[in-house]
């Protein structure tokens, strides 16, 4: 049983760690970890696949080796797409213990459950029962899953596996009524069942941290000194049943801004909720690519195309017509990764995209805009 009152409202997501010269910036990560812990917070979230496996290693170097084990909570995840047989469960788990040096995991998740291969793999390999075994062995303190599927599948999972202690979902104001992400419906199901919720993508991969001047003005009129990102975090933090909100903080400025938001947390007022609704309505009238830059698509791309960065350039062009900076950004991107037009349509990216984006088609459209 999770004591939700002892969980920090802000979690440190380790999917988008700061980088320097193409590698994780260990020195900066250490500073951010120390700042986060000094603020009285202690939940770190990583996964087997983040940063090509190096996120778990960085957790060892920046957290485990530098701080007492009882001073922090560490979460990681088992990836369905890296398993073919039951023996793979223990092989990956032991590798994670070695990578992190943590001895045990406070929170352990089945990664990215959704309809299709991921869900079928977890059931075929009996991963729910396996998770309970690891918990009985003392190697897992709390067991749950992260979810990217439909409300119907979530209901089925919770009925079939009442042993689940918590669920991690994508939740933000832009996706509340998204017919693919289902943020609002998933939240309602979990809230009605009193299942603790861990939130991922509260700022939608940074999309809700940088808005058009028109949208920013709506927020600034009410809170002139508050960051745009703080509105997204306060929206999620105002929802009952939310246990912890993960933020993939990529630099110290993001860390300090988030700490400021949660240090003296204020739920949204009715007037502020109306402002969020207004921003959402206007935003959804601008057709943007719903990429959250999770980068699951990039590791297996045979053409080394930096798909999220290309989509970021396209979205910037749509939001700021006439701005030449996205084209300059893409020009620099081409010098170190594949072009949008290099896509060979293998479909690997679409198979792992949590947002279910038609990436092949979107890259073709991006090429028409950028490869001119």
Protein backbone atom coordinates (compact mmCIF):
# COMPACT_ATOMS: atom_id res chain seq x y z
CA UNK A 1 0.00 0.00 0.00
CA UNK A 2 1.43 3.35 -1.04
CA UNK A 3 1.42 6.17 1.47
CA UNK A 4 0.58 8.90 -1.03
CA UNK A 5 1.03 11.62 1.60
CA UNK A 6 4.75 10.85 1.73
CA UNK A 7 5.18 11.06 -2.04
CA UNK A 8 6.59 14.30 -3.48
CA UNK A 9 4.24 16.25 -5.72
CA UNK A 10 7.10 16.85 -8.22
CA UNK A 11 9.06 13.91 -9.62
CA UNK A 12 12.39 14.09 -11.45
CA UNK A 13 11.98 12.47 -14.87
CA UNK A 14 15.24 11.19 -16.35
CA UNK A 15 14.17 10.82 -19.98
CA UNK A 16 15.41 14.25 -21.11
CA UNK A 17 18.62 14.77 -19.18
CA UNK A 18 20.91 17.69 -20.09
CA UNK A 19 23.56 16.87 -22.66
CA UNK A 20 26.95 18.22 -23.59
CA UNK A 21 28.90 17.25 -26.71
CA UNK A 22 26.32 14.57 -27.47
CA UNK A 23 26.59 12.90 -24.06
CA UNK A 24 24.72 13.21 -20.76
CA UNK A 25 26.14 16.19 -18.88
CA UNK A 26 27.00 14.39 -15.64
CA UNK A 27 28.15 17.51 -13.80
CA UNK A 28 24.91 19.35 -14.50
CA UNK A 29 22.80 16.31 -13.63
CA UNK A 30 24.56 16.09 -10.25
CA UNK A 31 23.82 19.74 -9.52
CA UNK A 32 20.16 19.26 -10.45
CA UNK A 33 19.86 16.08 -8.37
CA UNK A 34 21.35 17.85 -5.34
CA UNK A 35 19.07 20.87 -5.76
CA UNK A 36 16.02 18.63 -6.10
CA UNK A 37 16.86 16.59 -2.98
CA UNK A 38 17.70 19.71 -0.97
CA UNK A 39 14.18 20.96 -1.73
CA UNK A 40 12.82 17.94 0.16
CA UNK A 41 11.82 15.96 -2.96
CA UNK A 42 12.97 12.43 -3.70
CA UNK A 43 11.28 10.59 -6.61
CA UNK A 44 13.42 9.76 -9.66
CA UNK A 45 11.95 8.08 -12.74
CA UNK A 46 14.08 6.33 -15.35
CA UNK A 47 13.66 3.38 -17.75
CA UNK A 48 15.63 0.64 -19.47
CA UNK A 49 15.50 2.49 -22.80
CA UNK A 50 16.00 6.15 -21.80
CA UNK A 51 19.10 7.70 -23.37
CA UNK A 52 19.86 4.35 -24.98
CA UNK A 53 20.16 2.74 -21.54
CA UNK A 54 22.49 5.38 -20.14
CA UNK A 55 19.80 7.05 -18.03
CA UNK A 56 19.88 4.12 -15.60
CA UNK A 57 23.66 4.33 -15.50
CA UNK A 58 23.45 8.06 -14.78
CA UNK A 59 21.02 7.31 -11.96
CA UNK A 60 23.76 5.24 -10.39
CA UNK A 61 26.46 7.85 -10.86
CA UNK A 62 24.47 10.97 -9.94
CA UNK A 63 22.11 9.57 -7.29
CA UNK A 64 22.92 6.12 -5.91
CA UNK A 65 26.66 6.61 -5.43
CA UNK A 66 26.30 10.12 -4.05
CA UNK A 67 23.33 9.88 -1.67
CA UNK A 68 22.14 7.45 1.04
CA UNK A 69 19.81 4.82 -0.42
CA UNK A 70 17.00 5.66 2.01
CA UNK A 71 17.08 9.33 0.95
CA UNK A 72 15.48 8.78 -2.46
CA UNK A 73 12.92 6.71 -4.35
CA UNK A 74 13.93 5.21 -7.70
CA UNK A 75 11.52 3.99 -10.39
CA UNK A 76 12.34 2.16 -13.61
CA UNK A 77 10.49 0.08 -16.18
CA UNK A 78 10.42 -3.28 -18.00
CA UNK A 79 10.15 -2.87 -21.82
CA UNK A 80 7.90 -5.33 -23.69
CA UNK A 81 9.70 -4.70 -26.98
CA UNK A 82 13.00 -6.01 -25.58
CA UNK A 83 11.55 -9.38 -24.55
CA UNK A 84 10.85 -12.59 -26.46
CA UNK A 85 10.68 -15.20 -23.69
CA UNK A 86 10.15 -15.37 -19.93
CA UNK A 87 13.88 -15.54 -19.26
CA UNK A 88 14.17 -12.01 -20.63
CA UNK A 89 12.28 -10.62 -17.65
CA UNK A 90 15.01 -11.58 -15.18
CA UNK A 91 17.80 -10.84 -17.63
CA UNK A 92 16.64 -7.25 -18.06
CA UNK A 93 15.82 -6.82 -14.37
CA UNK A 94 19.27 -7.98 -13.26
CA UNK A 95 20.85 -5.69 -15.85
CA UNK A 96 18.86 -2.79 -14.42
CA UNK A 97 20.02 -3.60 -10.90
CA UNK A 98 23.60 -3.66 -12.16
CA UNK A 99 23.23 -0.43 -14.14
CA UNK A 100 21.69 1.49 -11.25
CA UNK A 101 23.43 -0.20 -8.33
CA UNK A 102 20.23 0.52 -6.39
CA UNK A 103 19.83 -2.92 -4.78
CA UNK A 104 16.06 -2.69 -5.21
CA UNK A 105 13.52 -0.46 -6.95
CA UNK A 106 11.02 1.55 -4.95
CA UNK A 107 8.64 1.65 -7.91
CA UNK A 108 8.71 -0.71 -10.88
CA UNK A 109 6.52 -0.42 -13.96
CA UNK A 110 5.59 -2.43 -17.00
CA UNK A 111 6.48 0.13 -19.66
CA UNK A 112 3.98 1.67 -22.07
CA UNK A 113 1.05 -0.73 -22.04
CA UNK A 114 -1.28 -0.28 -24.99
CA UNK A 115 -3.31 -2.41 -27.37
CA UNK A 116 -1.22 -4.71 -29.56
CA UNK A 117 2.25 -6.12 -29.04
CA UNK A 118 3.09 -4.47 -25.71
CA UNK A 119 -0.06 -5.62 -23.92
CA UNK A 120 0.08 -9.08 -25.50
CA UNK A 121 3.73 -9.52 -24.55
CA UNK A 122 3.17 -8.63 -20.91
CA UNK A 123 0.28 -11.07 -20.68
CA UNK A 124 2.00 -13.85 -22.65
CA UNK A 125 5.11 -13.66 -20.49
CA UNK A 126 3.05 -13.48 -17.28
CA UNK A 127 4.70 -10.20 -16.26
CA UNK A 128 2.08 -9.21 -13.70
CA UNK A 129 2.62 -12.39 -11.66
CA UNK A 130 6.38 -11.99 -12.15
CA UNK A 131 6.19 -8.46 -10.75
CA UNK A 132 4.48 -9.74 -7.62
CA UNK A 133 7.21 -12.35 -7.22
CA UNK A 134 9.88 -9.64 -7.38
CA UNK A 135 7.94 -7.68 -4.79
CA UNK A 136 7.80 -10.74 -2.51
CA UNK A 137 11.58 -11.10 -2.92
CA UNK A 138 12.01 -7.51 -1.73
CA UNK A 139 13.48 -6.34 -5.03
CA UNK A 140 10.42 -4.19 -5.80
CA UNK A 141 8.60 -2.07 -3.23
CA UNK A 142 5.60 -1.03 -5.37
CA UNK A 143 4.40 -2.43 -8.70
CA UNK A 144 2.42 -0.73 -11.45
CA UNK A 145 2.49 0.21 -15.13
CA UNK A 146 2.68 3.16 -17.48
CA UNK A 147 -0.18 3.36 -19.94
CA UNK A 148 -0.79 4.68 -23.46
CA UNK A 149 -3.87 2.68 -24.45
CA UNK A 150 -7.63 3.13 -24.57
CA UNK A 151 -9.99 3.58 -21.60
CA UNK A 152 -11.45 0.16 -22.41
CA UNK A 153 -8.08 -1.55 -22.06
CA UNK A 154 -7.35 0.30 -18.82
CA UNK A 155 -10.64 -0.93 -17.35
CA UNK A 156 -9.80 -4.51 -18.40
CA UNK A 157 -6.31 -4.35 -16.92
CA UNK A 158 -7.55 -3.02 -13.61
CA UNK A 159 -10.23 -5.71 -13.45
CA UNK A 160 -7.82 -8.50 -14.39
CA UNK A 161 -4.96 -7.27 -12.18
CA UNK A 162 -6.23 -5.76 -8.94
CA UNK A 163 -2.71 -6.19 -7.54
CA UNK A 164 -1.59 -3.05 -9.39
CA UNK A 165 -0.74 -0.31 -6.87
CA UNK A 166 -0.42 2.72 -9.15
CA UNK A 167 -0.69 3.75 -12.80
CA UNK A 168 1.30 6.30 -14.78
CA UNK A 169 -0.56 8.15 -17.54
CA UNK A 170 0.01 11.04 -19.92
CA UNK A 171 -2.02 13.92 -18.54
CA UNK A 172 -2.12 17.60 -19.50
CA UNK A 173 -4.71 20.18 -20.42
CA UNK A 174 -4.05 19.96 -24.17
CA UNK A 175 -4.70 16.19 -24.19
CA UNK A 176 -7.68 16.17 -21.83
CA UNK A 177 -10.12 15.48 -24.70
CA UNK A 178 -7.57 14.08 -27.16
CA UNK A 179 -9.30 11.08 -28.84
CA UNK A 180 -5.98 9.21 -29.06
CA UNK A 181 -4.39 10.03 -25.69
CA UNK A 182 -7.67 10.02 -23.67
CA UNK A 183 -6.13 11.95 -20.75
CA UNK A 184 -9.43 12.98 -19.18
CA UNK A 185 -11.08 9.57 -19.49
CA UNK A 186 -8.07 7.70 -18.11
CA UNK A 187 -7.85 10.10 -15.18
CA UNK A 188 -11.54 9.62 -14.39
CA UNK A 189 -11.25 5.81 -14.38
CA UNK A 190 -8.29 5.86 -11.99
CA UNK A 191 -9.80 8.54 -9.76
CA UNK A 192 -13.06 6.59 -9.40
CA UNK A 193 -11.10 3.49 -8.36
CA UNK A 194 -8.89 5.47 -5.96
CA UNK A 195 -5.74 4.26 -7.70
CA UNK A 196 -2.77 6.61 -7.18
CA UNK A 197 -1.82 8.42 -10.39
CA UNK A 198 1.66 9.34 -11.54
CA UNK A 199 1.55 11.89 -14.34
CA UNK A 200 3.90 11.94 -17.32
CA UNK A 201 4.04 14.62 -20.02
CA UNK A 202 2.33 17.33 -17.93
CA UNK A 203 3.91 19.94 -20.22
CA UNK A 204 3.45 17.72 -23.31
CA UNK A 205 7.13 17.35 -24.13
CA UNK A 206 7.72 21.09 -23.65
CA UNK A 207 4.89 22.11 -26.00
CA UNK A 208 3.01 23.79 -23.14
CA UNK A 209 6.10 25.62 -21.93
CA UNK A 210 6.39 27.85 -24.99
CA UNK A 211 3.21 29.23 -26.53
CA UNK A 212 2.46 31.92 -29.08
CA UNK A 213 2.53 35.52 -27.82
CA UNK A 214 -1.27 35.60 -28.11
CA UNK A 215 -1.67 32.62 -25.78
CA UNK A 216 1.04 33.69 -23.37
CA UNK A 217 -0.71 37.05 -22.98
CA UNK A 218 -3.82 35.31 -21.62
CA UNK A 219 -1.76 33.80 -18.81
CA UNK A 220 0.40 36.88 -18.21
CA UNK A 221 -2.69 39.02 -17.70
CA UNK A 222 -3.54 36.96 -14.61
CA UNK A 223 -0.03 36.05 -13.39
CA UNK A 224 2.57 38.34 -14.98
CA UNK A 225 5.53 36.74 -13.20
CA UNK A 226 4.57 33.08 -13.62
CA UNK A 227 6.11 30.94 -16.34
CA UNK A 228 3.92 29.39 -19.02
CA UNK A 229 5.08 25.92 -17.92
CA UNK A 230 3.83 26.58 -14.38
CA UNK A 231 0.26 26.78 -15.69
CA UNK A 232 0.50 23.27 -17.12
CA UNK A 233 1.94 21.90 -13.87
CA UNK A 234 -0.66 23.67 -11.73
CA UNK A 235 -3.46 22.32 -13.92
CA UNK A 236 -2.36 18.75 -13.26
CA UNK A 237 -1.46 19.41 -9.64
CA UNK A 238 -4.96 20.75 -8.98
CA UNK A 239 -6.55 17.39 -9.83
CA UNK A 240 -7.50 15.14 -6.88
CA UNK A 241 -5.87 11.70 -6.96
CA UNK A 242 -2.66 12.81 -8.63
CA UNK A 243 0.19 11.47 -6.51
CA UNK A 244 3.30 12.66 -8.34
CA UNK A 245 3.92 14.77 -11.44
CA UNK A 246 6.99 13.90 -13.49
CA UNK A 247 8.95 16.63 -15.21
CA UNK A 248 11.78 15.79 -17.60
CA UNK A 249 13.93 18.73 -16.57
CA UNK A 250 16.74 19.33 -19.06
CA UNK A 251 18.56 22.20 -17.34
CA UNK A 252 18.84 24.01 -14.02
CA UNK A 253 16.52 26.85 -15.07
CA UNK A 254 13.69 24.37 -15.65
CA UNK A 255 14.45 22.79 -12.30
CA UNK A 256 14.31 26.11 -10.46
CA UNK A 257 11.09 27.15 -12.20
CA UNK A 258 9.40 23.86 -11.30
CA UNK A 259 10.57 24.06 -7.70
CA UNK A 260 9.14 27.56 -7.50
CA UNK A 261 5.79 26.25 -8.75
CA UNK A 262 5.60 23.50 -6.15
CA UNK A 263 7.33 25.18 -3.20
CA UNK A 264 4.13 27.00 -2.28
CA UNK A 265 1.69 25.21 -4.56
CA UNK A 266 -1.53 27.03 -5.44
CA UNK A 267 -4.36 25.15 -7.17
CA UNK A 268 -5.94 26.90 -10.14
CA UNK A 269 -8.74 29.31 -9.29
CA UNK A 270 -11.98 29.31 -11.29
CA UNK A 271 -10.75 32.33 -13.24
CA UNK A 272 -7.46 30.58 -14.01
CA UNK A 273 -9.26 27.39 -15.07
CA UNK A 274 -11.26 29.50 -17.52
CA UNK A 275 -8.00 30.92 -18.88
CA UNK A 276 -6.60 27.41 -19.41
CA UNK A 277 -9.79 26.43 -21.23
CA UNK A 278 -9.50 29.51 -23.46
CA UNK A 279 -5.85 28.76 -24.27
CA UNK A 280 -6.68 25.13 -25.03
CA UNK A 281 -9.52 26.08 -27.38
CA UNK A 282 -7.32 28.47 -29.36
CA UNK A 283 -4.34 26.11 -29.37
CA UNK A 284 -6.31 23.17 -30.74
CA UNK A 285 -7.35 25.28 -33.72
CA UNK A 286 -3.69 25.35 -34.79
CA UNK A 287 -2.87 21.98 -36.42
CA UNK A 288 0.35 20.86 -34.71
CA UNK A 289 2.10 17.50 -34.77
CA UNK A 290 1.39 15.91 -31.39
CA UNK A 291 4.95 14.70 -30.78
CA UNK A 292 6.15 14.73 -27.15
CA UNK A 293 9.81 14.08 -28.04
CA UNK A 294 9.97 10.82 -26.07
CA UNK A 295 12.43 9.65 -28.77
CA UNK A 296 11.31 6.03 -28.73
CA UNK A 297 11.29 6.36 -32.52
CA UNK A 298 14.92 7.40 -32.93
CA UNK A 299 16.85 4.51 -31.39
CA UNK A 300 15.77 2.01 -34.02
CA UNK A 301 15.66 4.32 -37.05
CA UNK A 302 17.94 2.77 -39.70
CA UNK A 303 18.48 6.21 -41.29
CA UNK A 304 19.31 7.96 -37.99
CA UNK A 305 16.58 10.54 -38.54
CA UNK A 306 16.00 12.80 -35.53
CA UNK A 307 12.23 12.63 -35.96
CA UNK A 308 11.15 14.69 -32.90
CA UNK A 309 13.48 17.54 -33.85
CA UNK A 310 12.12 17.62 -37.38
CA UNK A 311 8.57 17.75 -36.04
CA UNK A 312 9.60 20.53 -33.65
CA UNK A 313 10.82 22.55 -36.63
CA UNK A 314 7.56 21.97 -38.49
CA UNK A 315 5.45 22.97 -35.48
CA UNK A 316 7.50 26.13 -35.01
CA UNK A 317 6.91 27.08 -38.63
CA UNK A 318 3.18 26.58 -38.15
CA UNK A 319 3.09 28.65 -34.99
CA UNK A 320 5.40 31.39 -36.25
CA UNK A 321 4.96 31.78 -40.03
CA UNK A 322 7.80 33.71 -41.61
CA UNK A 323 10.32 32.87 -38.89
CA UNK A 324 13.48 31.58 -40.57
CA UNK A 325 14.96 30.05 -37.43
CA UNK A 326 13.30 26.64 -37.88
CA UNK A 327 14.93 26.34 -41.30
CA UNK A 328 18.31 27.23 -39.82
CA UNK A 329 17.74 24.69 -37.04
CA UNK A 330 16.92 22.02 -39.61
CA UNK A 331 20.00 22.90 -41.64
CA UNK A 332 22.19 22.27 -38.59
CA UNK A 333 20.25 19.11 -37.81
CA UNK A 334 20.94 17.65 -41.26
CA UNK A 335 24.68 17.90 -40.66
CA UNK A 336 24.52 15.32 -37.87
CA UNK A 337 21.43 13.19 -38.59
CA UNK A 338 19.21 12.03 -41.42
CA UNK A 339 16.94 14.33 -43.44
CA UNK A 340 13.17 13.98 -43.47
CA UNK A 341 13.45 12.78 -47.05
CA UNK A 342 15.79 9.94 -46.01
CA UNK A 343 12.89 7.94 -44.54
CA UNK A 344 12.68 4.45 -46.11
CA UNK A 345 9.17 3.84 -44.71
CA UNK A 346 10.14 0.78 -42.68
CA UNK A 347 7.52 1.61 -40.04
CA UNK A 348 9.73 0.93 -37.02
CA UNK A 349 8.98 4.39 -35.63
CA UNK A 350 5.21 4.05 -35.96
CA UNK A 351 5.30 0.74 -34.10
CA UNK A 352 6.75 2.31 -30.95
CA UNK A 353 5.15 5.79 -30.98
CA UNK A 354 3.04 6.26 -27.81
CA UNK A 355 1.09 9.03 -29.55
CA UNK A 356 0.21 6.74 -32.51
CA UNK A 357 1.39 9.33 -35.01
CA UNK A 358 1.49 8.53 -38.76
CA UNK A 359 5.21 9.33 -38.76
CA UNK A 360 5.96 8.19 -42.31
CA UNK A 361 3.29 10.50 -43.74
CA UNK A 362 4.34 13.34 -41.43
CA UNK A 363 7.98 13.03 -42.51
CA UNK A 364 6.91 13.25 -46.15
CA UNK A 365 5.01 16.45 -45.40
CA UNK A 366 7.93 17.79 -43.36
CA UNK A 367 10.28 17.10 -46.27
CA UNK A 368 8.05 19.12 -48.58
CA UNK A 369 8.43 22.08 -46.22
CA UNK A 370 12.04 21.69 -45.12
CA UNK A 371 13.94 19.95 -47.94
CA UNK A 372 13.64 22.74 -50.47
